[in-house]
């Protein structure tokens, strides 16, 4: 689906597939799709598969990332 919110947290057992537009995206579970956000936080338990555009990024050791992470200047 399509989600447009200020802040989105995907819990460690949660999963989102689709298009996300938000200020802050905190991924602990699974995300697949396209996201545009200002702040991206990817924890060690996270799995990201897709295309994410961000302004600030934090990735913990152990996170799984497939696809593209693009810095929006």
C-alpha atoms as a PDB file:
ATOM      1  CA  UNK A   1       0.000   0.000   0.000  1.00  0.00           C
ATOM      2  CA  UNK A   2       0.867   3.655   0.247  1.00  0.00           C
ATOM      3  CA  UNK A   3       1.669   5.360   3.570  1.00  0.00           C
ATOM      4  CA  UNK A   4       2.171   9.094   4.177  1.00  0.00           C
ATOM      5  CA  UNK A   5       2.834  10.048   7.822  1.00  0.00           C
ATOM      6  CA  UNK A   6       5.188  12.166   9.926  1.00  0.00           C
ATOM      7  CA  UNK A   7       6.847   9.211  11.703  1.00  0.00           C
ATOM      8  CA  UNK A   8       6.744   5.501  10.901  1.00  0.00           C
ATOM      9  CA  UNK A   9       8.226   2.730  13.027  1.00  0.00           C
ATOM     10  CA  UNK A  10       8.178  -0.809  11.693  1.00  0.00           C
ATOM     11  CA  UNK A  11       8.461  -3.083  14.744  1.00  0.00           C
ATOM     12  CA  UNK A  12      10.801  -6.077  14.919  1.00  0.00           C
ATOM     13  CA  UNK A  13       7.941  -8.445  13.976  1.00  0.00           C
ATOM     14  CA  UNK A  14       6.310  -5.992  11.563  1.00  0.00           C
ATOM     15  CA  UNK A  15       6.477  -5.783   7.785  1.00  0.00           C
ATOM     16  CA  UNK A  16       5.582  -3.047   5.314  1.00  0.00           C
ATOM     17  CA  UNK A  17       5.483  -3.465   1.549  1.00  0.00           C
ATOM     18  CA  UNK A  18       4.710  -0.472  -0.650  1.00  0.00           C
ATOM     19  CA  UNK A  19       5.428   3.238  -0.946  1.00  0.00           C
ATOM     20  CA  UNK A  20       6.236   5.304   2.159  1.00  0.00           C
ATOM     21  CA  UNK A  21       6.635   9.074   2.469  1.00  0.00           C
ATOM     22  CA  UNK A  22       7.532  10.363   5.941  1.00  0.00           C
ATOM     23  CA  UNK A  23       9.809  12.595   7.999  1.00  0.00           C
ATOM     24  CA  UNK A  24      11.262   9.787  10.137  1.00  0.00           C
ATOM     25  CA  UNK A  25      11.426   6.094   9.184  1.00  0.00           C
ATOM     26  CA  UNK A  26      12.623   3.640  11.852  1.00  0.00           C
ATOM     27  CA  UNK A  27      12.929   0.072  10.555  1.00  0.00           C
ATOM     28  CA  UNK A  28      13.283  -2.799  13.031  1.00  0.00           C
ATOM     29  CA  UNK A  29      11.419  -5.412  10.969  1.00  0.00           C
ATOM     30  CA  UNK A  30      10.957  -5.838   7.223  1.00  0.00           C
ATOM     31  CA  UNK A  31      10.494  -3.141   4.610  1.00  0.00           C
ATOM     32  CA  UNK A  32      10.107  -3.736   0.873  1.00  0.00           C
ATOM     33  CA  UNK A  33       9.335  -1.010  -1.641  1.00  0.00           C
ATOM     34  CA  UNK A  34      10.101   2.672  -2.055  1.00  0.00           C
ATOM     35  CA  UNK A  35      10.526   5.241   0.720  1.00  0.00           C
ATOM     36  CA  UNK A  36      11.288   8.946   0.810  1.00  0.00           C
ATOM     37  CA  UNK A  37      12.201  10.264   4.254  1.00  0.00           C
ATOM     38  CA  UNK A  38      14.341  12.864   6.013  1.00  0.00           C
ATOM     39  CA  UNK A  39      15.651  10.539   8.729  1.00  0.00           C
ATOM     40  CA  UNK A  40      16.261   6.820   8.171  1.00  0.00           C
ATOM     41  CA  UNK A  41      17.156   4.505  11.064  1.00  0.00           C
ATOM     42  CA  UNK A  42      17.845   0.832  10.283  1.00  0.00           C
ATOM     43  CA  UNK A  43      18.412  -1.428  13.298  1.00  0.00           C
ATOM     44  CA  UNK A  44      20.393  -4.664  13.476  1.00  0.00           C
ATOM     45  CA  UNK A  45      17.222  -6.790  13.163  1.00  0.00           C
ATOM     46  CA  UNK A  46      15.975  -4.954  10.049  1.00  0.00           C
ATOM     47  CA  UNK A  47      15.627  -6.181   6.488  1.00  0.00           C
ATOM     48  CA  UNK A  48      15.340  -3.560   3.741  1.00  0.00           C
ATOM     49  CA  UNK A  49      14.660  -4.485   0.111  1.00  0.00           C
ATOM     50  CA  UNK A  50      13.992  -1.568  -2.195  1.00  0.00           C
ATOM     51  CA  UNK A  51      14.748   2.045  -2.953  1.00  0.00           C
ATOM     52  CA  UNK A  52      15.083   4.558  -0.090  1.00  0.00           C
ATOM     53  CA  UNK A  53      15.870   8.269  -0.414  1.00  0.00           C
ATOM     54  CA  UNK A  54      17.001   9.924   2.841  1.00  0.00           C
ATOM     55  CA  UNK A  55      18.746  13.014   4.269  1.00  0.00           C
ATOM     56  CA  UNK A  56      20.239  11.475   7.444  1.00  0.00           C
ATOM     57  CA  UNK A  57      21.058   7.794   7.887  1.00  0.00           C
ATOM     58  CA  UNK A  58      21.853   5.452  10.774  1.00  0.00           C
ATOM     59  CA  UNK A  59      22.454   1.729  10.150  1.00  0.00           C
ATOM     60  CA  UNK A  60      23.318  -0.757  12.898  1.00  0.00           C
ATOM     61  CA  UNK A  61      25.679  -3.667  12.360  1.00  0.00           C
ATOM     62  CA  UNK A  62      23.802  -6.781  11.235  1.00  0.00           C
ATOM     63  CA  UNK A  63      21.080  -5.051   9.210  1.00  0.00           C
ATOM     64  CA  UNK A  64      20.219  -6.583   5.836  1.00  0.00           C
ATOM     65  CA  UNK A  65      19.971  -4.101   2.967  1.00  0.00           C
ATOM     66  CA  UNK A  66      19.236  -4.943  -0.686  1.00  0.00           C
ATOM     67  CA  UNK A  67      18.539  -2.267  -3.261  1.00  0.00           C
ATOM     68  CA  UNK A  68      19.443   1.413  -3.166  1.00  0.00           C
ATOM     69  CA  UNK A  69      19.950   3.940  -0.386  1.00  0.00           C
ATOM     70  CA  UNK A  70      20.263   7.396  -1.936  1.00  0.00           C
ATOM     71  CA  UNK A  71      21.296  10.594  -0.144  1.00  0.00           C
ATOM     72  CA  UNK A  72      18.973  13.516  -0.971  1.00  0.00           C
ATOM     73  CA  UNK A  73      21.065  16.682  -0.599  1.00  0.00           C
END
